[in-house]
Amino acid sequence: MAGGLKKVGVPIFILVGAVVLAIVMAMSRPEPEKKEVETPKFLVDAAPIEFNNVDFLVYAQGPVQPKNRTMLSTQVSGKVVSIADNFIEGGFFNKGDVLVELEAVDYETDLLLAEAELARAQAALEEEIARGRVAEKEWSSFNSGAPPELGLRKPQLAREQANLKAAQANFQRAKRNLERTKIRAPYDGLVKSRNVDLGQFIPLGGQIGEVFATDVAEVRLPLTDDDVAFIGNVREEQPRVTLSADVAGKRHFWEGRLVRDEAVLDENRRVIYGVVEVTDPYRLNDSTGASADFTPLKFGRFVSAEISGVQMNDIVKLPRFVLRLDGTVLTVDENSEIQINQVDVVRTDEDFVYIGGGLERNHDVVLSAVSNPYDGMPVRTLDEPPSESDSSSAVKAQVNANEVN
């Protein structure tokens, strides 16, 4: 019995002793040092905010067309007997050049007849004047009173004077009709199309071709209300416009002026058209010798336009992606903390946003993405040295990456 208790009690005693020893050792162990956990700062890319004076540009596109175009027509009828060599599609001409000549024989005859009628009327008037003088002398020799108008042949004189005026008018008309057999160019220009040929009979008012004036070219540019707001007063300022187009694989440029707008909105597109004028687009009147290297701004070409708009002061120009969907911009203040700024957007284009207010001069704008930002969020910029916690976090990240590899 005693032996059995001894066999059972020894292991229990050993177990209890081990537990007591473990408790004593645990209680005698020094407490671990407590360290405050420091959250690493979020790394952002930031750049200084720059306030500048900005000259805004407005972009548009449109076709080149002549300022003046004319459908030439005849003022008399007749057969075509002569056509100028330069009266062909694409031919250039000067003001007053004879482009088409009609048969003039009948009009020369009419002029001779009108000239003869004029001479006859002039002679009849002179004869009537002489008769009036004779009648006045005869009346004076027989009567002492005032002679009547009929006695002095004044009605007959008025009739002959009227006949003379009618003869003069017929002569002038015949002279003009003869001159109109030669159809002359109304201005310096080029031929768009020709509708006549030799031997063809042209009726009165018949169209012989269409011509374009080459002194001034126009470009109609569609402008929105926002575009107009950044252009200013067109009619007073006439902003400078740079036109450009690719010709034979090379970009060419031309200078013009936005001289007016058409003052009426297009009902379909809801835009207003501005008109750009380019002087001497074909450089035909250039006496400086620079025309050899000049590429003509041909009618019908589709060009891009860059319009010089208004200037605004203290504008911040930033990449468009910096502007958040809620109209705010993130900045970093002098304490390296995030600030969420509600900004005044003046204008946006494909690449940039122009801000007129809402940003501090001593802040840096955040150029990188920040998830769930809040005011006062601590961050570290690329040019700021990392703290110990940031360095240890970077080392741990590198160790983990090596273990994975």
Protein backbone atom coordinates (compact mmCIF):
# COMPACT_ATOMS: atom_id res chain seq x y z
CA MET A 1 0.00 0.00 0.00
CA ALA A 2 2.76 2.36 1.01
CA GLY A 3 4.79 1.33 -2.00
CA GLY A 4 1.87 2.13 -4.32
CA LEU A 5 1.44 5.62 -2.88
CA LYS A 6 5.14 6.16 -3.29
CA LYS A 7 5.02 5.21 -6.93
CA VAL A 8 2.11 7.64 -7.57
CA GLY A 9 3.33 10.52 -5.37
CA VAL A 10 6.81 10.88 -6.89
CA PRO A 11 5.63 11.83 -10.39
CA ILE A 12 3.07 14.23 -8.99
CA PHE A 13 5.71 15.84 -6.84
CA ILE A 14 8.02 16.22 -9.80
CA LEU A 15 5.21 17.74 -11.92
CA VAL A 16 4.23 20.24 -9.22
CA GLY A 17 7.88 21.19 -8.72
CA ALA A 18 8.32 21.81 -12.43
CA VAL A 19 5.23 24.04 -12.50
CA VAL A 20 6.41 26.02 -9.50
CA LEU A 21 9.87 26.38 -11.01
CA ALA A 22 8.37 27.61 -14.31
CA ILE A 23 6.24 30.16 -12.45
CA VAL A 24 9.23 31.42 -10.48
CA MET A 25 11.34 31.76 -13.63
CA ALA A 26 8.55 33.57 -15.50
CA MET A 27 8.06 36.02 -12.65
CA SER A 28 11.75 36.68 -12.34
CA ARG A 29 12.13 37.44 -16.16
CA PRO A 30 12.49 41.16 -16.95
CA GLU A 31 9.57 42.84 -18.75
CA PRO A 32 10.10 43.55 -22.51
CA GLU A 33 10.79 47.12 -23.54
CA LYS A 34 7.67 48.87 -24.91
CA LYS A 35 8.17 50.74 -28.21
CA GLU A 36 5.65 53.09 -29.78
CA VAL A 37 4.67 51.97 -33.28
CA GLU A 38 5.35 54.74 -35.84
CA THR A 39 3.36 54.64 -39.08
CA PRO A 40 5.56 55.43 -42.11
CA LYS A 41 4.64 58.58 -44.10
CA PHE A 42 3.04 58.23 -47.53
CA LEU A 43 5.49 59.05 -50.33
CA VAL A 44 4.18 61.56 -52.95
CA ASP A 45 5.55 63.37 -55.97
CA ALA A 46 5.06 67.13 -55.56
CA ALA A 47 6.13 70.26 -57.43
CA PRO A 48 6.13 73.97 -56.49
CA ILE A 49 3.08 76.02 -57.50
CA GLU A 50 3.93 78.73 -60.04
CA PHE A 51 1.71 81.75 -60.68
CA ASN A 52 2.19 83.23 -64.17
CA ASN A 53 0.56 85.52 -66.70
CA VAL A 54 -1.01 83.31 -69.36
CA ASP A 55 -1.87 84.26 -72.95
CA PHE A 56 -4.75 81.95 -73.77
CA LEU A 57 -5.00 80.34 -77.19
CA VAL A 58 -8.16 79.24 -78.97
CA TYR A 59 -8.00 76.42 -81.50
CA ALA A 60 -10.33 75.84 -84.45
CA GLN A 61 -10.36 74.49 -88.01
CA GLY A 62 -11.93 75.60 -91.25
CA PRO A 63 -11.60 75.79 -95.06
CA VAL A 64 -9.92 78.58 -97.00
CA GLN A 65 -12.15 80.51 -99.37
CA PRO A 66 -11.94 83.78 -101.31
CA LYS A 67 -13.37 86.94 -99.83
CA ASN A 68 -14.88 87.85 -103.20
CA ARG A 69 -16.12 85.44 -105.86
CA THR A 70 -17.99 86.34 -109.03
CA MET A 71 -20.01 84.45 -111.59
CA LEU A 72 -19.18 86.36 -114.77
CA SER A 73 -22.12 86.98 -117.09
CA THR A 74 -22.66 88.97 -120.27
CA GLN A 75 -24.52 92.28 -120.48
CA VAL A 76 -25.02 91.86 -124.25
CA SER A 77 -25.56 88.86 -126.48
CA GLY A 78 -23.29 87.62 -129.25
CA LYS A 79 -20.96 84.98 -130.58
CA VAL A 80 -17.66 84.32 -128.80
CA VAL A 81 -14.80 85.34 -131.12
CA SER A 82 -11.89 85.47 -128.66
CA ILE A 83 -10.89 83.90 -125.34
CA ALA A 84 -7.82 84.96 -123.35
CA ASP A 85 -5.10 82.36 -122.90
CA ASN A 86 -5.26 82.73 -119.10
CA PHE A 87 -9.05 82.28 -119.00
CA ILE A 88 -8.76 78.61 -118.05
CA GLU A 89 -9.30 76.75 -114.79
CA GLY A 90 -6.54 77.89 -112.43
CA GLY A 91 -5.41 80.76 -114.65
CA PHE A 92 -4.43 84.05 -112.99
CA PHE A 93 -5.42 87.45 -114.35
CA ASN A 94 -5.20 91.14 -113.47
CA LYS A 95 -7.97 93.65 -113.06
CA GLY A 96 -9.14 94.97 -116.44
CA ASP A 97 -7.81 92.07 -118.51
CA VAL A 98 -10.08 91.08 -121.41
CA LEU A 99 -11.12 87.51 -120.71
CA VAL A 100 -13.77 86.92 -123.41
CA GLU A 101 -14.65 88.97 -126.50
CA LEU A 102 -17.97 88.77 -128.34
CA GLU A 103 -18.64 89.61 -131.99
CA ALA A 104 -18.93 93.41 -132.12
CA VAL A 105 -19.99 94.17 -135.75
CA ASP A 106 -23.66 94.81 -134.95
CA TYR A 107 -22.77 96.98 -131.96
CA GLU A 108 -20.32 99.02 -134.03
CA THR A 109 -23.17 99.62 -136.51
CA ASP A 110 -25.49 100.66 -133.71
CA LEU A 111 -22.86 103.09 -132.48
CA LEU A 112 -22.51 104.66 -135.93
CA LEU A 113 -26.28 105.06 -136.21
CA ALA A 114 -26.46 106.60 -132.74
CA GLU A 115 -23.58 108.93 -133.61
CA ALA A 116 -25.40 110.03 -136.79
CA GLU A 117 -28.63 110.60 -134.89
CA LEU A 118 -26.72 112.67 -132.35
CA ALA A 119 -25.23 114.84 -135.09
CA ARG A 120 -28.68 115.29 -136.65
CA ALA A 121 -30.19 116.32 -133.34
CA GLN A 122 -27.33 118.74 -132.68
CA ALA A 123 -27.85 120.34 -136.11
CA ALA A 124 -31.61 120.61 -135.59
CA LEU A 125 -31.06 122.32 -132.25
CA GLU A 126 -28.64 124.83 -133.72
CA GLU A 127 -31.10 125.51 -136.54
CA GLU A 128 -33.93 126.11 -134.09
CA ILE A 129 -31.75 128.45 -132.03
CA ALA A 130 -31.08 130.48 -135.19
CA ARG A 131 -34.77 130.59 -136.06
CA GLY A 132 -35.56 131.89 -132.60
CA ARG A 133 -33.10 134.73 -132.98
CA VAL A 134 -34.59 135.69 -136.36
CA ALA A 135 -38.11 135.64 -134.92
CA GLU A 136 -37.04 137.86 -132.02
CA LYS A 137 -35.54 140.44 -134.39
CA GLU A 138 -38.63 140.43 -136.61
CA TRP A 139 -40.90 140.95 -133.60
CA SER A 140 -38.77 143.83 -132.33
CA SER A 141 -38.90 145.59 -135.71
CA PHE A 142 -42.70 145.58 -135.88
CA ASN A 143 -43.84 145.56 -132.26
CA SER A 144 -42.71 147.33 -129.10
CA GLY A 145 -44.35 144.95 -126.58
CA ALA A 146 -43.05 141.71 -125.09
CA PRO A 147 -43.10 138.90 -127.66
CA PRO A 148 -45.07 135.66 -126.89
CA GLU A 149 -43.18 132.41 -126.37
CA LEU A 150 -44.68 130.90 -129.48
CA GLY A 151 -43.52 133.91 -131.45
CA LEU A 152 -39.96 133.33 -130.27
CA ARG A 153 -40.27 129.57 -131.08
CA LYS A 154 -39.46 128.55 -127.48
CA PRO A 155 -41.60 125.37 -127.58
CA GLN A 156 -39.82 124.30 -130.76
CA LEU A 157 -36.47 124.99 -129.05
CA ALA A 158 -37.41 122.85 -126.06
CA ARG A 159 -38.41 120.00 -128.37
CA GLU A 160 -35.08 120.05 -130.15
CA GLN A 161 -33.20 120.17 -126.86
CA ALA A 162 -35.10 117.07 -125.73
CA ASN A 163 -34.32 115.34 -129.02
CA LEU A 164 -30.64 116.11 -128.48
CA LYS A 165 -30.66 114.58 -124.98
CA ALA A 166 -32.36 111.44 -126.32
CA ALA A 167 -29.78 111.18 -129.09
CA GLN A 168 -26.96 111.60 -126.57
CA ALA A 169 -28.44 108.85 -124.38
CA ASN A 170 -28.75 106.50 -127.35
CA PHE A 171 -25.15 107.26 -128.30
CA GLN A 172 -23.90 106.52 -124.78
CA ARG A 173 -25.90 103.26 -124.67
CA ALA A 174 -24.52 102.13 -128.03
CA LYS A 175 -21.01 103.01 -126.87
CA ARG A 176 -21.45 101.00 -123.65
CA ASN A 177 -22.89 98.01 -125.50
CA LEU A 178 -19.90 97.99 -127.81
CA GLU A 179 -17.56 98.09 -124.83
CA ARG A 180 -19.51 95.27 -123.16
CA THR A 181 -18.60 92.88 -125.98
CA LYS A 182 -15.24 92.72 -124.18
CA ILE A 183 -15.77 91.01 -120.83
CA ARG A 184 -13.06 92.25 -118.47
CA ALA A 185 -11.79 90.95 -115.13
CA PRO A 186 -13.36 92.84 -112.21
CA TYR A 187 -10.26 92.38 -109.99
CA ASP A 188 -6.98 90.51 -109.68
CA GLY A 189 -7.85 86.87 -109.36
CA LEU A 190 -7.93 83.36 -110.73
CA VAL A 191 -10.38 81.32 -112.77
CA LYS A 192 -12.42 78.75 -110.87
CA SER A 193 -14.38 77.48 -113.88
CA ARG A 194 -15.08 78.38 -117.53
CA ASN A 195 -18.40 77.77 -119.27
CA VAL A 196 -17.82 79.11 -122.82
CA ASP A 197 -15.80 78.27 -125.89
CA LEU A 198 -15.02 79.82 -129.29
CA GLY A 199 -17.96 80.17 -131.66
CA GLN A 200 -20.55 79.71 -128.93
CA PHE A 201 -23.48 82.13 -128.93
CA ILE A 202 -24.01 83.73 -125.52
CA PRO A 203 -27.44 85.23 -124.74
CA LEU A 204 -27.97 88.32 -122.65
CA GLY A 205 -27.05 87.46 -119.05
CA GLY A 206 -25.35 84.19 -120.02
CA GLN A 207 -22.79 82.88 -117.51
CA ILE A 208 -19.29 82.43 -118.89
CA GLY A 209 -17.40 81.32 -115.76
CA GLU A 210 -16.62 81.79 -112.07
CA VAL A 211 -13.61 83.73 -110.78
CA PHE A 212 -12.05 84.24 -107.34
CA ALA A 213 -10.33 87.39 -106.07
CA THR A 214 -6.78 86.71 -104.86
CA ASP A 215 -6.25 89.87 -102.81
CA VAL A 216 -7.74 88.45 -99.59
CA ALA A 217 -8.53 84.91 -98.43
CA GLU A 218 -11.00 84.10 -95.68
CA VAL A 219 -11.25 81.20 -93.24
CA ARG A 220 -14.56 80.62 -91.42
CA LEU A 221 -13.88 79.15 -87.98
CA PRO A 222 -16.62 77.65 -85.76
CA LEU A 223 -16.34 79.11 -82.23
CA THR A 224 -18.21 78.11 -79.09
CA ASP A 225 -19.30 80.54 -76.41
CA ASP A 226 -16.31 79.48 -74.28
CA ASP A 227 -13.97 80.20 -77.18
CA VAL A 228 -15.46 83.66 -77.69
CA ALA A 229 -14.99 84.42 -73.98
CA PHE A 230 -11.21 83.95 -74.33
CA ILE A 231 -10.86 85.93 -77.57
CA GLY A 232 -12.11 89.35 -76.48
CA ASN A 233 -13.55 92.08 -78.70
CA VAL A 234 -12.91 90.79 -82.20
CA ARG A 235 -13.87 93.88 -84.20
CA GLU A 236 -11.72 96.24 -82.12
CA GLU A 237 -8.68 94.09 -81.37
CA GLN A 238 -8.61 91.79 -84.43
CA PRO A 239 -6.49 89.05 -82.77
CA ARG A 240 -3.57 87.49 -84.60
CA VAL A 241 -4.21 84.02 -86.02
CA THR A 242 -1.65 81.42 -87.09
CA LEU A 243 -2.93 79.03 -89.74
CA SER A 244 -1.20 75.74 -90.44
CA ALA A 245 -1.55 72.71 -92.70
CA ASP A 246 0.50 69.79 -93.96
CA VAL A 247 1.59 70.30 -97.57
CA ALA A 248 3.68 67.62 -99.27
CA GLY A 249 4.58 66.09 -95.91
CA LYS A 250 5.76 69.37 -94.39
CA ARG A 251 4.00 71.69 -91.97
CA HIS A 252 3.44 75.19 -93.35
CA PHE A 253 2.23 78.30 -91.56
CA TRP A 254 0.44 81.50 -92.57
CA GLU A 255 -0.44 84.62 -90.60
CA GLY A 256 -3.85 86.28 -90.55
CA ARG A 257 -6.24 88.37 -88.46
CA LEU A 258 -9.61 87.51 -86.95
CA VAL A 259 -11.46 90.54 -88.32
CA ARG A 260 -15.09 89.81 -87.41
CA ASP A 261 -17.68 87.28 -86.41
CA GLU A 262 -20.89 86.60 -88.29
CA ALA A 263 -23.00 87.78 -85.32
CA VAL A 264 -25.55 84.96 -85.72
CA LEU A 265 -25.39 81.51 -84.12
CA ASP A 266 -25.60 78.54 -86.43
CA GLU A 267 -28.93 76.90 -85.62
CA ASN A 268 -27.68 73.36 -86.22
CA ARG A 269 -24.24 73.41 -84.62
CA ARG A 270 -24.93 76.14 -82.03
CA VAL A 271 -21.67 77.90 -82.80
CA ILE A 272 -20.80 81.32 -84.12
CA TYR A 273 -18.41 81.65 -87.05
CA GLY A 274 -15.38 83.90 -86.85
CA VAL A 275 -13.79 85.13 -90.08
CA VAL A 276 -10.02 85.22 -90.51
CA GLU A 277 -8.52 87.29 -93.33
CA VAL A 278 -5.16 86.57 -94.95
CA THR A 279 -3.81 89.23 -97.29
CA ASP A 280 -2.38 88.14 -100.65
CA PRO A 281 -2.62 84.37 -99.96
CA TYR A 282 -0.90 83.49 -103.26
CA ARG A 283 1.82 86.14 -102.72
CA LEU A 284 1.21 87.58 -106.20
CA ASN A 285 1.93 91.17 -105.16
CA ASP A 286 5.11 90.44 -103.19
CA SER A 287 7.98 92.67 -104.32
CA THR A 288 10.44 91.58 -101.60
CA GLY A 289 11.59 88.44 -103.39
CA ALA A 290 10.40 86.18 -100.58
CA SER A 291 7.75 84.53 -102.73
CA ALA A 292 10.23 81.91 -104.01
CA ASP A 293 10.12 80.07 -100.67
CA PHE A 294 6.47 80.80 -99.99
CA THR A 295 3.80 78.10 -100.16
CA PRO A 296 0.51 79.59 -101.39
CA LEU A 297 -2.52 79.37 -99.14
CA LYS A 298 -4.75 77.87 -101.80
CA PHE A 299 -8.50 78.22 -101.78
CA GLY A 300 -10.25 75.07 -100.61
CA ARG A 301 -7.44 73.93 -98.29
CA PHE A 302 -8.52 72.84 -94.80
CA VAL A 303 -6.34 74.49 -92.15
CA SER A 304 -5.92 74.51 -88.38
CA ALA A 305 -6.06 77.88 -86.63
CA GLU A 306 -4.41 79.09 -83.43
CA ILE A 307 -6.04 82.32 -82.25
CA SER A 308 -4.26 84.59 -79.78
CA GLY A 309 -6.74 85.19 -76.97
CA VAL A 310 -6.89 87.31 -73.84
CA GLN A 311 -4.19 87.48 -71.16
CA MET A 312 -4.92 86.66 -67.51
CA ASN A 313 -2.65 87.29 -64.52
CA ASP A 314 -1.73 84.98 -61.61
CA ILE A 315 -2.84 81.78 -63.30
CA VAL A 316 -1.58 78.33 -62.26
CA LYS A 317 -1.12 75.93 -65.17
CA LEU A 318 -1.21 72.29 -64.10
CA PRO A 319 -1.52 68.89 -65.81
CA ARG A 320 -5.17 68.05 -66.27
CA PHE A 321 -4.95 64.81 -64.27
CA VAL A 322 -4.17 66.85 -61.12
CA LEU A 323 -7.74 68.14 -61.02
CA ARG A 324 -9.89 65.63 -59.13
CA LEU A 325 -13.47 64.75 -60.05
CA ASP A 326 -14.89 66.89 -57.24
CA GLY A 327 -13.04 69.97 -58.49
CA THR A 328 -10.28 69.88 -55.87
CA VAL A 329 -6.49 69.79 -56.03
CA LEU A 330 -4.18 68.16 -53.46
CA THR A 331 -1.26 70.18 -52.13
CA VAL A 332 1.46 69.70 -49.52
CA ASP A 333 1.87 72.53 -47.00
CA GLU A 334 4.97 73.65 -45.13
CA ASN A 335 4.33 70.98 -42.47
CA SER A 336 4.44 68.17 -45.07
CA GLU A 337 0.74 67.56 -44.68
CA ILE A 338 -1.91 67.08 -47.35
CA GLN A 339 -4.37 69.92 -47.95
CA ILE A 340 -7.49 69.47 -50.09
CA ASN A 341 -8.13 72.72 -51.99
CA GLN A 342 -11.36 73.69 -53.76
CA VAL A 343 -10.06 75.62 -56.78
CA ASP A 344 -11.45 78.10 -59.30
CA VAL A 345 -10.98 76.53 -62.73
CA VAL A 346 -10.63 79.18 -65.42
CA ARG A 347 -10.23 76.85 -68.36
CA THR A 348 -9.32 73.27 -69.29
CA ASP A 349 -8.00 71.79 -72.50
CA GLU A 350 -6.82 68.35 -73.56
CA ASP A 351 -3.60 68.48 -71.54
CA PHE A 352 -3.80 71.23 -68.94
CA VAL A 353 -6.06 72.89 -66.40
CA TYR A 354 -5.79 76.62 -65.70
CA ILE A 355 -6.58 77.64 -62.11
CA GLY A 356 -7.34 81.20 -61.11
CA GLY A 357 -7.79 80.82 -57.35
CA GLY A 358 -7.84 78.45 -54.39
CA LEU A 359 -4.12 77.56 -54.17
CA GLU A 360 -1.49 78.87 -51.75
CA ARG A 361 1.82 80.17 -53.09
CA ASN A 362 3.94 78.36 -50.48
CA HIS A 363 2.35 74.96 -51.14
CA ASP A 364 3.46 72.20 -53.49
CA VAL A 365 0.97 70.54 -55.78
CA VAL A 366 0.69 66.74 -55.56
CA LEU A 367 1.39 65.09 -58.91
CA SER A 368 0.98 61.45 -57.85
CA ALA A 369 -2.11 59.46 -56.93
CA VAL A 370 -3.09 59.44 -53.27
CA SER A 371 -5.71 56.95 -52.08
CA ASN A 372 -8.20 58.22 -49.50
CA PRO A 373 -6.50 61.56 -48.76
CA TYR A 374 -7.63 63.79 -45.88
CA ASP A 375 -6.68 67.21 -44.59
CA GLY A 376 -3.59 66.99 -42.41
CA MET A 377 -2.47 63.62 -43.77
CA PRO A 378 1.33 63.38 -43.23
CA VAL A 379 3.32 62.71 -46.39
CA ARG A 380 6.89 62.71 -47.60
CA THR A 381 8.00 64.17 -50.92
CA LEU A 382 10.67 62.70 -53.17
CA ASP A 383 13.24 65.35 -52.25
CA GLU A 384 12.65 64.85 -48.49
CA PRO A 385 15.03 62.38 -46.69
CA PRO A 386 13.23 59.32 -45.24
CA SER A 387 12.81 58.89 -41.46
CA GLU A 388 14.03 55.77 -39.52
CA SER A 389 10.60 54.16 -39.67
CA ASP A 390 10.41 54.81 -43.42
CA SER A 391 13.91 53.30 -43.84
CA SER A 392 13.08 50.21 -41.77
CA SER A 393 9.86 49.77 -43.69
CA ALA A 394 11.79 49.95 -46.92
CA VAL A 395 14.35 47.39 -45.60
CA LYS A 396 11.57 45.01 -44.54
CA ALA A 397 9.95 45.36 -47.91
CA GLN A 398 13.26 44.54 -49.57
CA VAL A 399 13.82 41.49 -47.29
CA ASN A 400 10.33 40.23 -48.04
CA ALA A 401 10.92 40.69 -51.72
CA ASN A 402 14.19 38.73 -51.52
CA GLU A 403 12.48 35.91 -49.58
CA VAL A 404 9.84 35.70 -52.23
CA ASN A 405 12.46 35.55 -54.93
